[in-house]
C-alpha cells in the first residue's frame, strides 16, 4: 500500500477549512511549526505518523481520515484511539503503525 502524500495534504487542508481554522491555529493545537503544516498540505513535506496523529487530534478526526480518506468524525471509539496514539512516543507509534498495517492486510 503506497500513500499518496498529495492527497493526504489535501485531506488535511480540507478538514482544516471545514472547521474554519487557519494554519497557525491548527499548528498551535498540534504543537507543530506553521510552515511545516503548509508544506504538508502542499505535499512538499512528508509527515511522520506522529504528526498525522497530532493533526488528526487537532482537527477532531482520526488519522485514517487523512491516510485513507475514511473516517467517522463523531465516532467515540476513533477519538479514544486517536487520543491514545497522540500520547505515544516515536517507537510506540512505529510499532502501532506496523501492527495496524498487518491487521489491515488480514482477511478477517
PDB file of N, CA and C in Angstrom:
ATOM      1  N   UNK A   1       0.835  -1.169   0.000  1.00  0.00           N
ATOM      2  CA  UNK A   1       0.000   0.000   0.000  1.00  0.00           C
ATOM      3  C   UNK A   1       0.890   1.245   0.000  1.00  0.00           C
ATOM      4  N   UNK A   2       0.756   2.041  -1.012  1.00  0.00           N
ATOM      5  CA  UNK A   2       1.504   3.287  -1.107  1.00  0.00           C
ATOM      6  C   UNK A   2       0.595   4.441  -0.689  1.00  0.00           C
ATOM      7  N   UNK A   3       1.164   5.352   0.066  1.00  0.00           N
ATOM      8  CA  UNK A   3       0.412   6.525   0.494  1.00  0.00           C
ATOM      9  C   UNK A   3       0.600   7.650  -0.510  1.00  0.00           C
ATOM     10  N   UNK A   4      -0.475   8.341  -0.813  1.00  0.00           N
ATOM     11  CA  UNK A   4      -0.452   9.477  -1.722  1.00  0.00           C
ATOM     12  C   UNK A   4      -0.365  10.743  -0.868  1.00  0.00           C
ATOM     13  N   UNK A   5       0.848  11.269  -0.715  1.00  0.00           N
ATOM     14  CA  UNK A   5       1.063  12.400   0.188  1.00  0.00           C
ATOM     15  C   UNK A   5       0.404  13.678  -0.314  1.00  0.00           C
ATOM     16  N   UNK A   6       0.224  13.786  -1.608  1.00  0.00           N
ATOM     17  CA  UNK A   6      -0.500  14.929  -2.143  1.00  0.00           C
ATOM     18  C   UNK A   6      -1.957  14.890  -1.683  1.00  0.00           C
ATOM     19  N   UNK A   7      -2.538  13.703  -1.738  1.00  0.00           N
ATOM     20  CA  UNK A   7      -3.929  13.535  -1.308  1.00  0.00           C
ATOM     21  C   UNK A   7      -4.058  13.704   0.210  1.00  0.00           C
ATOM     22  N   UNK A   8      -3.082  13.220   0.952  1.00  0.00           N
ATOM     23  CA  UNK A   8      -3.089  13.393   2.413  1.00  0.00           C
ATOM     24  C   UNK A   8      -3.085  14.879   2.753  1.00  0.00           C
ATOM     25  N   UNK A   9      -2.226  15.640   2.090  1.00  0.00           N
ATOM     26  CA  UNK A   9      -2.168  17.083   2.320  1.00  0.00           C
ATOM     27  C   UNK A   9      -3.481  17.770   1.990  1.00  0.00           C
ATOM     28  N   UNK A  10      -4.115  17.339   0.903  1.00  0.00           N
ATOM     29  CA  UNK A  10      -5.412  17.913   0.521  1.00  0.00           C
ATOM     30  C   UNK A  10      -6.481  17.589   1.559  1.00  0.00           C
ATOM     31  N   UNK A  11      -6.452  16.366   2.080  1.00  0.00           N
ATOM     32  CA  UNK A  11      -7.437  15.983   3.098  1.00  0.00           C
ATOM     33  C   UNK A  11      -7.261  16.795   4.375  1.00  0.00           C
ATOM     34  N   UNK A  12      -6.020  17.022   4.755  1.00  0.00           N
ATOM     35  CA  UNK A  12      -5.741  17.823   5.951  1.00  0.00           C
ATOM     36  C   UNK A  12      -6.240  19.251   5.740  1.00  0.00           C
ATOM     37  N   UNK A  13      -5.908  19.832   4.597  1.00  0.00           N
ATOM     38  CA  UNK A  13      -6.339  21.206   4.293  1.00  0.00           C
ATOM     39  C   UNK A  13      -7.865  21.289   4.237  1.00  0.00           C
ATOM     40  N   UNK A  14      -8.495  20.305   3.626  1.00  0.00           N
ATOM     41  CA  UNK A  14      -9.956  20.292   3.513  1.00  0.00           C
ATOM     42  C   UNK A  14     -10.607  20.263   4.902  1.00  0.00           C
ATOM     43  N   UNK A  15     -10.091  19.407   5.770  1.00  0.00           N
ATOM     44  CA  UNK A  15     -10.662  19.309   7.114  1.00  0.00           C
ATOM     45  C   UNK A  15     -10.441  20.605   7.890  1.00  0.00           C
ATOM     46  N   UNK A  16      -9.271  21.179   7.751  1.00  0.00           N
ATOM     47  CA  UNK A  16      -8.976  22.449   8.433  1.00  0.00           C
ATOM     48  C   UNK A  16      -9.959  23.524   7.985  1.00  0.00           C
ATOM     49  N   UNK A  17     -10.211  23.587   6.692  1.00  0.00           N
ATOM     50  CA  UNK A  17     -11.128  24.597   6.149  1.00  0.00           C
ATOM     51  C   UNK A  17     -12.571  24.316   6.556  1.00  0.00           C
ATOM     52  N   UNK A  18     -12.948  23.020   6.639  1.00  0.00           N
ATOM     53  CA  UNK A  18     -14.293  22.664   7.108  1.00  0.00           C
ATOM     54  C   UNK A  18     -14.550  23.218   8.501  1.00  0.00           C
ATOM     55  N   UNK A  19     -13.512  23.205   9.322  1.00  0.00           N
ATOM     56  CA  UNK A  19     -13.628  23.695  10.692  1.00  0.00           C
ATOM     57  C   UNK A  19     -13.414  25.205  10.795  1.00  0.00           C
ATOM     58  N   UNK A  20     -13.080  25.843   9.681  1.00  0.00           N
ATOM     59  CA  UNK A  20     -12.870  27.289   9.672  1.00  0.00           C
ATOM     60  C   UNK A  20     -11.627  27.724  10.421  1.00  0.00           C
ATOM     61  N   UNK A  21     -10.594  26.875  10.389  1.00  0.00           N
ATOM     62  CA  UNK A  21      -9.360  27.170  11.118  1.00  0.00           C
ATOM     63  C   UNK A  21      -8.250  27.625  10.176  1.00  0.00           C
ATOM     64  N   UNK A  22      -7.435  28.519  10.668  1.00  0.00           N
ATOM     65  CA  UNK A  22      -6.235  28.926   9.941  1.00  0.00           C
ATOM     66  C   UNK A  22      -5.118  27.952  10.271  1.00  0.00           C
ATOM     67  N   UNK A  23      -4.107  27.922   9.424  1.00  0.00           N
ATOM     68  CA  UNK A  23      -2.985  27.015   9.649  1.00  0.00           C
ATOM     69  C   UNK A  23      -2.337  27.248  11.004  1.00  0.00           C
ATOM     70  N   UNK A  24      -2.163  28.492  11.385  1.00  0.00           N
ATOM     71  CA  UNK A  24      -1.495  28.803  12.648  1.00  0.00           C
ATOM     72  C   UNK A  24      -2.288  28.258  13.840  1.00  0.00           C
ATOM     73  N   UNK A  25      -3.613  28.277  13.746  1.00  0.00           N
ATOM     74  CA  UNK A  25      -4.440  27.755  14.830  1.00  0.00           C
ATOM     75  C   UNK A  25      -4.274  26.235  14.965  1.00  0.00           C
ATOM     76  N   UNK A  26      -4.242  25.556  13.832  1.00  0.00           N
ATOM     77  CA  UNK A  26      -4.059  24.103  13.845  1.00  0.00           C
ATOM     78  C   UNK A  26      -2.679  23.757  14.388  1.00  0.00           C
ATOM     79  N   UNK A  27      -1.682  24.519  13.985  1.00  0.00           N
ATOM     80  CA  UNK A  27      -0.314  24.270  14.445  1.00  0.00           C
ATOM     81  C   UNK A  27      -0.197  24.435  15.955  1.00  0.00           C
ATOM     82  N   UNK A  28      -0.858  25.430  16.493  1.00  0.00           N
ATOM     83  CA  UNK A  28      -0.848  25.622  17.944  1.00  0.00           C
ATOM     84  C   UNK A  28      -1.486  24.432  18.647  1.00  0.00           C
ATOM     85  N   UNK A  29      -2.589  23.946  18.107  1.00  0.00           N
ATOM     86  CA  UNK A  29      -3.280  22.797  18.700  1.00  0.00           C
ATOM     87  C   UNK A  29      -2.423  21.530  18.618  1.00  0.00           C
ATOM     88  N   UNK A  30      -1.733  21.366  17.483  1.00  0.00           N
ATOM     89  CA  UNK A  30      -0.960  20.146  17.244  1.00  0.00           C
ATOM     90  C   UNK A  30       0.473  20.233  17.767  1.00  0.00           C
ATOM     91  N   UNK A  31       0.925  21.433  18.074  1.00  0.00           N
ATOM     92  CA  UNK A  31       2.291  21.602  18.561  1.00  0.00           C
ATOM     93  C   UNK A  31       3.336  21.445  17.468  1.00  0.00           C
ATOM     94  N   UNK A  32       3.001  21.927  16.266  1.00  0.00           N
ATOM     95  CA  UNK A  32       3.959  21.870  15.157  1.00  0.00           C
ATOM     96  C   UNK A  32       4.152  23.258  14.579  1.00  0.00           C
ATOM     97  N   UNK A  33       5.168  23.410  13.750  1.00  0.00           N
ATOM     98  CA  UNK A  33       5.505  24.673  13.112  1.00  0.00           C
ATOM     99  C   UNK A  33       4.517  24.971  11.983  1.00  0.00           C
ATOM    100  N   UNK A  34       4.077  26.234  11.882  1.00  0.00           N
ATOM    101  CA  UNK A  34       3.092  26.585  10.860  1.00  0.00           C
ATOM    102  C   UNK A  34       3.629  26.436   9.436  1.00  0.00           C
ATOM    103  N   UNK A  35       4.900  26.637   9.246  1.00  0.00           N
ATOM    104  CA  UNK A  35       5.479  26.446   7.911  1.00  0.00           C
ATOM    105  C   UNK A  35       5.479  24.969   7.538  1.00  0.00           C
ATOM    106  N   UNK A  36       5.632  24.106   8.529  1.00  0.00           N
ATOM    107  CA  UNK A  36       5.616  22.666   8.298  1.00  0.00           C
ATOM    108  C   UNK A  36       4.232  22.224   7.822  1.00  0.00           C
ATOM    109  N   UNK A  37       3.175  22.746   8.444  1.00  0.00           N
ATOM    110  CA  UNK A  37       1.822  22.397   8.026  1.00  0.00           C
ATOM    111  C   UNK A  37       1.575  22.835   6.586  1.00  0.00           C
ATOM    112  N   UNK A  38       2.022  24.009   6.238  1.00  0.00           N
ATOM    113  CA  UNK A  38       1.881  24.485   4.868  1.00  0.00           C
ATOM    114  C   UNK A  38       2.556  23.521   3.896  1.00  0.00           C
ATOM    115  N   UNK A  39       3.750  23.067   4.250  1.00  0.00           N
ATOM    116  CA  UNK A  39       4.481  22.114   3.398  1.00  0.00           C
ATOM    117  C   UNK A  39       3.749  20.773   3.304  1.00  0.00           C
ATOM    118  N   UNK A  40       3.164  20.330   4.398  1.00  0.00           N
ATOM    119  CA  UNK A  40       2.412  19.074   4.389  1.00  0.00           C
ATOM    120  C   UNK A  40       1.194  19.202   3.480  1.00  0.00           C
ATOM    121  N   UNK A  41       0.475  20.296   3.614  1.00  0.00           N
ATOM    122  CA  UNK A  41      -0.733  20.496   2.807  1.00  0.00           C
ATOM    123  C   UNK A  41      -0.419  20.583   1.314  1.00  0.00           C
ATOM    124  N   UNK A  42       0.768  21.055   0.972  1.00  0.00           N
ATOM    125  CA  UNK A  42       1.180  21.149  -0.440  1.00  0.00           C
ATOM    126  C   UNK A  42       1.966  19.930  -0.901  1.00  0.00           C
ATOM    127  N   UNK A  43       2.149  18.955  -0.003  1.00  0.00           N
ATOM    128  CA  UNK A  43       2.912  17.723  -0.275  1.00  0.00           C
ATOM    129  C   UNK A  43       4.391  18.018  -0.532  1.00  0.00           C
ATOM    130  N   UNK A  44       4.882  19.111   0.031  1.00  0.00           N
ATOM    131  CA  UNK A  44       6.303  19.431  -0.073  1.00  0.00           C
ATOM    132  C   UNK A  44       7.087  18.741   1.044  1.00  0.00           C
ATOM    133  N   UNK A  45       6.376  18.296   2.082  1.00  0.00           N
ATOM    134  CA  UNK A  45       6.978  17.544   3.184  1.00  0.00           C
ATOM    135  C   UNK A  45       6.111  16.330   3.474  1.00  0.00           C
ATOM    136  N   UNK A  46       6.755  15.268   3.904  1.00  0.00           N
ATOM    137  CA  UNK A  46       6.054  14.042   4.270  1.00  0.00           C
ATOM    138  C   UNK A  46       5.953  13.993   5.782  1.00  0.00           C
ATOM    139  N   UNK A  47       4.728  13.996   6.325  1.00  0.00           N
ATOM    140  CA  UNK A  47       4.580  13.983   7.779  1.00  0.00           C
ATOM    141  C   UNK A  47       4.842  12.600   8.364  1.00  0.00           C
ATOM    142  N   UNK A  48       5.383  12.574   9.566  1.00  0.00           N
ATOM    143  CA  UNK A  48       5.551  11.307  10.288  1.00  0.00           C
ATOM    144  C   UNK A  48       4.174  10.862  10.781  1.00  0.00           C
ATOM    145  N   UNK A  49       4.089   9.612  11.180  1.00  0.00           N
ATOM    146  CA  UNK A  49       2.836   9.117  11.742  1.00  0.00           C
ATOM    147  C   UNK A  49       2.466   9.913  12.986  1.00  0.00           C
ATOM    148  N   UNK A  50       3.461  10.280  13.769  1.00  0.00           N
ATOM    149  CA  UNK A  50       3.214  11.073  14.974  1.00  0.00           C
ATOM    150  C   UNK A  50       2.549  12.404  14.616  1.00  0.00           C
ATOM    151  N   UNK A  51       3.020  13.060  13.575  1.00  0.00           N
ATOM    152  CA  UNK A  51       2.444  14.343  13.163  1.00  0.00           C
ATOM    153  C   UNK A  51       1.037  14.141  12.615  1.00  0.00           C
ATOM    154  N   UNK A  52       0.809  13.078  11.864  1.00  0.00           N
ATOM    155  CA  UNK A  52      -0.537  12.788  11.349  1.00  0.00           C
ATOM    156  C   UNK A  52      -1.504  12.608  12.514  1.00  0.00           C
ATOM    157  N   UNK A  53      -1.078  11.893  13.544  1.00  0.00           N
ATOM    158  CA  UNK A  53      -1.923  11.682  14.723  1.00  0.00           C
ATOM    159  C   UNK A  53      -2.197  13.012  15.420  1.00  0.00           C
ATOM    160  N   UNK A  54      -1.172  13.832  15.588  1.00  0.00           N
ATOM    161  CA  UNK A  54      -1.354  15.140  16.223  1.00  0.00           C
ATOM    162  C   UNK A  54      -2.323  16.011  15.438  1.00  0.00           C
ATOM    163  N   UNK A  55      -2.187  16.005  14.112  1.00  0.00           N
ATOM    164  CA  UNK A  55      -3.082  16.797  13.269  1.00  0.00           C
ATOM    165  C   UNK A  55      -4.512  16.265  13.330  1.00  0.00           C
ATOM    166  N   UNK A  56      -4.656  14.957  13.351  1.00  0.00           N
ATOM    167  CA  UNK A  56      -5.992  14.367  13.448  1.00  0.00           C
ATOM    168  C   UNK A  56      -6.666  14.791  14.745  1.00  0.00           C
ATOM    169  N   UNK A  57      -5.927  14.737  15.828  1.00  0.00           N
ATOM    170  CA  UNK A  57      -6.480  15.143  17.115  1.00  0.00           C
ATOM    171  C   UNK A  57      -6.825  16.634  17.093  1.00  0.00           C
ATOM    172  N   UNK A  58      -5.938  17.449  16.556  1.00  0.00           N
ATOM    173  CA  UNK A  58      -6.166  18.898  16.495  1.00  0.00           C
ATOM    174  C   UNK A  58      -7.372  19.242  15.632  1.00  0.00           C
ATOM    175  N   UNK A  59      -7.652  18.402  14.633  1.00  0.00           N
ATOM    176  CA  UNK A  59      -8.754  18.662  13.710  1.00  0.00           C
ATOM    177  C   UNK A  59      -9.970  17.786  13.997  1.00  0.00           C
ATOM    178  N   UNK A  60      -9.994  17.206  15.194  1.00  0.00           N
ATOM    179  CA  UNK A  60     -11.147  16.444  15.664  1.00  0.00           C
ATOM    180  C   UNK A  60     -11.576  15.345  14.681  1.00  0.00           C
ATOM    181  N   UNK A  61     -10.594  14.571  14.258  1.00  0.00           N
ATOM    182  CA  UNK A  61     -10.875  13.451  13.368  1.00  0.00           C
ATOM    183  C   UNK A  61      -9.908  12.326  13.695  1.00  0.00           C
ATOM    184  N   UNK A  62      -9.798  11.364  12.816  1.00  0.00           N
ATOM    185  CA  UNK A  62      -8.928  10.215  13.036  1.00  0.00           C
ATOM    186  C   UNK A  62      -7.821  10.197  11.988  1.00  0.00           C
ATOM    187  N   UNK A  63      -6.699   9.571  12.288  1.00  0.00           N
ATOM    188  CA  UNK A  63      -5.605   9.522  11.316  1.00  0.00           C
ATOM    189  C   UNK A  63      -6.007   8.901   9.986  1.00  0.00           C
ATOM    190  N   UNK A  64      -6.895   7.909   9.997  1.00  0.00           N
ATOM    191  CA  UNK A  64      -7.282   7.281   8.737  1.00  0.00           C
ATOM    192  C   UNK A  64      -8.051   8.231   7.829  1.00  0.00           C
ATOM    193  N   UNK A  65      -8.645   9.265   8.391  1.00  0.00           N
ATOM    194  CA  UNK A  65      -9.307  10.265   7.552  1.00  0.00           C
ATOM    195  C   UNK A  65      -8.298  10.913   6.614  1.00  0.00           C
ATOM    196  N   UNK A  66      -7.085  11.102   7.091  1.00  0.00           N
ATOM    197  CA  UNK A  66      -6.038  11.700   6.266  1.00  0.00           C
ATOM    198  C   UNK A  66      -5.303  10.658   5.436  1.00  0.00           C
ATOM    199  N   UNK A  67      -4.999   9.517   6.049  1.00  0.00           N
ATOM    200  CA  UNK A  67      -4.199   8.494   5.369  1.00  0.00           C
ATOM    201  C   UNK A  67      -4.980   7.737   4.304  1.00  0.00           C
ATOM    202  N   UNK A  68      -6.224   7.398   4.612  1.00  0.00           N
ATOM    203  CA  UNK A  68      -7.011   6.558   3.710  1.00  0.00           C
ATOM    204  C   UNK A  68      -8.231   7.260   3.140  1.00  0.00           C
ATOM    205  N   UNK A  69      -8.578   8.395   3.699  1.00  0.00           N
ATOM    206  CA  UNK A  69      -9.743   9.126   3.212  1.00  0.00           C
ATOM    207  C   UNK A  69     -11.050   8.644   3.812  1.00  0.00           C
ATOM    208  N   UNK A  70     -10.977   7.849   4.878  1.00  0.00           N
ATOM    209  CA  UNK A  70     -12.188   7.349   5.526  1.00  0.00           C
ATOM    210  C   UNK A  70     -12.123   7.637   7.008  1.00  0.00           C
ATOM    211  N   UNK A  71     -13.260   7.999   7.550  1.00  0.00           N
ATOM    212  CA  UNK A  71     -13.336   8.212   8.997  1.00  0.00           C
ATOM    213  C   UNK A  71     -14.771   8.450   9.390  1.00  0.00           C
ATOM    214  N   UNK A  72     -15.018   8.258  10.640  1.00  0.00           N
ATOM    215  CA  UNK A  72     -16.296   8.601  11.237  1.00  0.00           C
ATOM    216  C   UNK A  72     -15.993   9.682  12.262  1.00  0.00           C
ATOM    217  N   UNK A  73     -16.224  10.925  11.906  1.00  0.00           N
ATOM    218  CA  UNK A  73     -15.791  12.050  12.720  1.00  0.00           C
ATOM    219  C   UNK A  73     -16.402  12.056  14.121  1.00  0.00           C
ATOM    220  N   UNK A  74     -17.595  11.505  14.259  1.00  0.00           N
ATOM    221  CA  UNK A  74     -18.266  11.552  15.547  1.00  0.00           C
ATOM    222  C   UNK A  74     -18.160  10.241  16.316  1.00  0.00           C
ATOM    223  N   UNK A  75     -17.404   9.308  15.818  1.00  0.00           N
ATOM    224  CA  UNK A  75     -17.303   8.002  16.439  1.00  0.00           C
ATOM    225  C   UNK A  75     -16.421   8.078  17.681  1.00  0.00           C
ATOM    226  N   UNK A  76     -16.994   7.742  18.815  1.00  0.00           N
ATOM    227  CA  UNK A  76     -16.301   7.830  20.092  1.00  0.00           C
ATOM    228  C   UNK A  76     -15.063   6.946  20.144  1.00  0.00           C
ATOM    229  N   UNK A  77     -15.145   5.742  19.618  1.00  0.00           N
ATOM    230  CA  UNK A  77     -14.009   4.818  19.637  1.00  0.00           C
ATOM    231  C   UNK A  77     -12.810   5.375  18.876  1.00  0.00           C
ATOM    232  N   UNK A  78     -13.042   5.985  17.725  1.00  0.00           N
ATOM    233  CA  UNK A  78     -11.937   6.566  16.947  1.00  0.00           C
ATOM    234  C   UNK A  78     -11.240   7.660  17.735  1.00  0.00           C
ATOM    235  N   UNK A  79     -12.015   8.465  18.411  1.00  0.00           N
ATOM    236  CA  UNK A  79     -11.422   9.552  19.199  1.00  0.00           C
ATOM    237  C   UNK A  79     -10.576   8.980  20.335  1.00  0.00           C
ATOM    238  N   UNK A  80     -11.049   7.902  20.952  1.00  0.00           N
ATOM    239  CA  UNK A  80     -10.283   7.268  22.023  1.00  0.00           C
ATOM    240  C   UNK A  80      -8.962   6.719  21.501  1.00  0.00           C
ATOM    241  N   UNK A  81      -9.009   6.070  20.359  1.00  0.00           N
ATOM    242  CA  UNK A  81      -7.796   5.510  19.762  1.00  0.00           C
ATOM    243  C   UNK A  81      -6.831   6.638  19.383  1.00  0.00           C
ATOM    244  N   UNK A  82      -7.360   7.695  18.789  1.00  0.00           N
ATOM    245  CA  UNK A  82      -6.513   8.830  18.413  1.00  0.00           C
ATOM    246  C   UNK A  82      -5.852   9.450  19.640  1.00  0.00           C
ATOM    247  N   UNK A  83      -6.583   9.522  20.747  1.00  0.00           N
ATOM    248  CA  UNK A  83      -6.029  10.088  21.977  1.00  0.00           C
ATOM    249  C   UNK A  83      -4.897   9.222  22.522  1.00  0.00           C
ATOM    250  N   UNK A  84      -5.073   7.913  22.474  1.00  0.00           N
ATOM    251  CA  UNK A  84      -4.014   7.002  22.923  1.00  0.00           C
ATOM    252  C   UNK A  84      -2.779   7.172  22.048  1.00  0.00           C
ATOM    253  N   UNK A  85      -2.973   7.210  20.737  1.00  0.00           N
ATOM    254  CA  UNK A  85      -1.843   7.332  19.816  1.00  0.00           C
ATOM    255  C   UNK A  85      -1.139   8.675  19.957  1.00  0.00           C
ATOM    256  N   UNK A  86      -1.892   9.696  20.255  1.00  0.00           N
ATOM    257  CA  UNK A  86      -1.303  11.029  20.403  1.00  0.00           C
ATOM    258  C   UNK A  86      -0.268  11.061  21.528  1.00  0.00           C
ATOM    259  N   UNK A  87      -0.462  10.217  22.533  1.00  0.00           N
ATOM    260  CA  UNK A  87       0.424  10.197  23.690  1.00  0.00           C
ATOM    261  C   UNK A  87       1.620   9.257  23.514  1.00  0.00           C
ATOM    262  N   UNK A  88       1.672   8.531  22.399  1.00  0.00           N
ATOM    263  CA  UNK A  88       2.751   7.564  22.182  1.00  0.00           C
ATOM    264  C   UNK A  88       4.044   8.244  21.762  1.00  0.00           C
ATOM    265  N   UNK A  89       5.170   7.605  22.123  1.00  0.00           N
ATOM    266  CA  UNK A  89       6.458   8.086  21.643  1.00  0.00           C
ATOM    267  C   UNK A  89       6.708   7.512  20.242  1.00  0.00           C
ATOM    268  N   UNK A  90       7.801   7.904  19.637  1.00  0.00           N
ATOM    269  CA  UNK A  90       8.081   7.515  18.255  1.00  0.00           C
ATOM    270  C   UNK A  90       8.170   5.991  18.088  1.00  0.00           C
ATOM    271  N   UNK A  91       8.795   5.323  19.022  1.00  0.00           N
ATOM    272  CA  UNK A  91       8.926   3.863  18.929  1.00  0.00           C
ATOM    273  C   UNK A  91       7.559   3.185  19.030  1.00  0.00           C
ATOM    274  N   UNK A  92       6.731   3.649  19.950  1.00  0.00           N
ATOM    275  CA  UNK A  92       5.393   3.086  20.098  1.00  0.00           C
ATOM    276  C   UNK A  92       4.549   3.330  18.850  1.00  0.00           C
ATOM    277  N   UNK A  93       4.658   4.529  18.275  1.00  0.00           N
ATOM    278  CA  UNK A  93       3.913   4.828  17.053  1.00  0.00           C
ATOM    279  C   UNK A  93       4.360   3.943  15.897  1.00  0.00           C
ATOM    280  N   UNK A  94       5.648   3.698  15.814  1.00  0.00           N
ATOM    281  CA  UNK A  94       6.164   2.821  14.763  1.00  0.00           C
ATOM    282  C   UNK A  94       5.601   1.408  14.912  1.00  0.00           C
ATOM    283  N   UNK A  95       5.586   0.910  16.135  1.00  0.00           N
ATOM    284  CA  UNK A  95       5.020  -0.413  16.391  1.00  0.00           C
ATOM    285  C   UNK A  95       3.524  -0.439  16.085  1.00  0.00           C
ATOM    286  N   UNK A  96       2.815   0.616  16.473  1.00  0.00           N
ATOM    287  CA  UNK A  96       1.380   0.699  16.206  1.00  0.00           C
ATOM    288  C   UNK A  96       1.120   0.708  14.699  1.00  0.00           C
ATOM    289  N   UNK A  97       1.928   1.452  13.967  1.00  0.00           N
ATOM    290  CA  UNK A  97       1.768   1.507  12.514  1.00  0.00           C
ATOM    291  C   UNK A  97       1.995   0.126  11.905  1.00  0.00           C
ATOM    292  N   UNK A  98       3.038  -0.568  12.345  1.00  0.00           N
ATOM    293  CA  UNK A  98       3.307  -1.912  11.830  1.00  0.00           C
ATOM    294  C   UNK A  98       2.159  -2.865  12.133  1.00  0.00           C
ATOM    295  N   UNK A  99       1.646  -2.797  13.356  1.00  0.00           N
ATOM    296  CA  UNK A  99       0.534  -3.659  13.724  1.00  0.00           C
ATOM    297  C   UNK A  99      -0.711  -3.337  12.902  1.00  0.00           C
ATOM    298  N   UNK A 100      -1.020  -2.053  12.764  1.00  0.00           N
ATOM    299  CA  UNK A 100      -2.201  -1.659  12.001  1.00  0.00           C
ATOM    300  C   UNK A 100      -2.082  -2.055  10.539  1.00  0.00           C
ATOM    301  N   UNK A 101      -0.883  -1.951   9.975  1.00  0.00           N
ATOM    302  CA  UNK A 101      -0.665  -2.374   8.601  1.00  0.00           C
ATOM    303  C   UNK A 101      -0.901  -3.887   8.478  1.00  0.00           C
ATOM    304  N   UNK A 102      -0.342  -4.643   9.421  1.00  0.00           N
ATOM    305  CA  UNK A 102      -0.556  -6.080   9.423  1.00  0.00           C
ATOM    306  C   UNK A 102      -2.037  -6.420   9.558  1.00  0.00           C
ATOM    307  N   UNK A 103      -2.708  -5.769  10.496  1.00  0.00           N
ATOM    308  CA  UNK A 103      -4.125  -6.022  10.735  1.00  0.00           C
ATOM    309  C   UNK A 103      -4.957  -5.704   9.505  1.00  0.00           C
ATOM    310  N   UNK A 104      -4.644  -4.611   8.859  1.00  0.00           N
ATOM    311  CA  UNK A 104      -5.359  -4.203   7.650  1.00  0.00           C
ATOM    312  C   UNK A 104      -5.234  -5.241   6.544  1.00  0.00           C
ATOM    313  N   UNK A 105      -4.088  -5.891   6.476  1.00  0.00           N
ATOM    314  CA  UNK A 105      -3.833  -6.874   5.422  1.00  0.00           C
ATOM    315  C   UNK A 105      -4.457  -8.235   5.695  1.00  0.00           C
ATOM    316  N   UNK A 106      -5.009  -8.420   6.892  1.00  0.00           N
ATOM    317  CA  UNK A 106      -5.627  -9.702   7.235  1.00  0.00           C
ATOM    318  C   UNK A 106      -7.012  -9.824   6.614  1.00  0.00           C
ATOM    319  N   UNK A 107      -7.372 -11.029   6.258  1.00  0.00           N
ATOM    320  CA  UNK A 107      -8.682 -11.303   5.667  1.00  0.00           C
ATOM    321  C   UNK A 107      -9.630 -11.764   6.769  1.00  0.00           C
ATOM    322  N   UNK A 108     -10.024 -10.816   7.615  1.00  0.00           N
ATOM    323  CA  UNK A 108     -10.921 -11.157   8.732  1.00  0.00           C
ATOM    324  C   UNK A 108     -12.178 -10.313   8.706  1.00  0.00           C
TER     325      UNK A 108
END
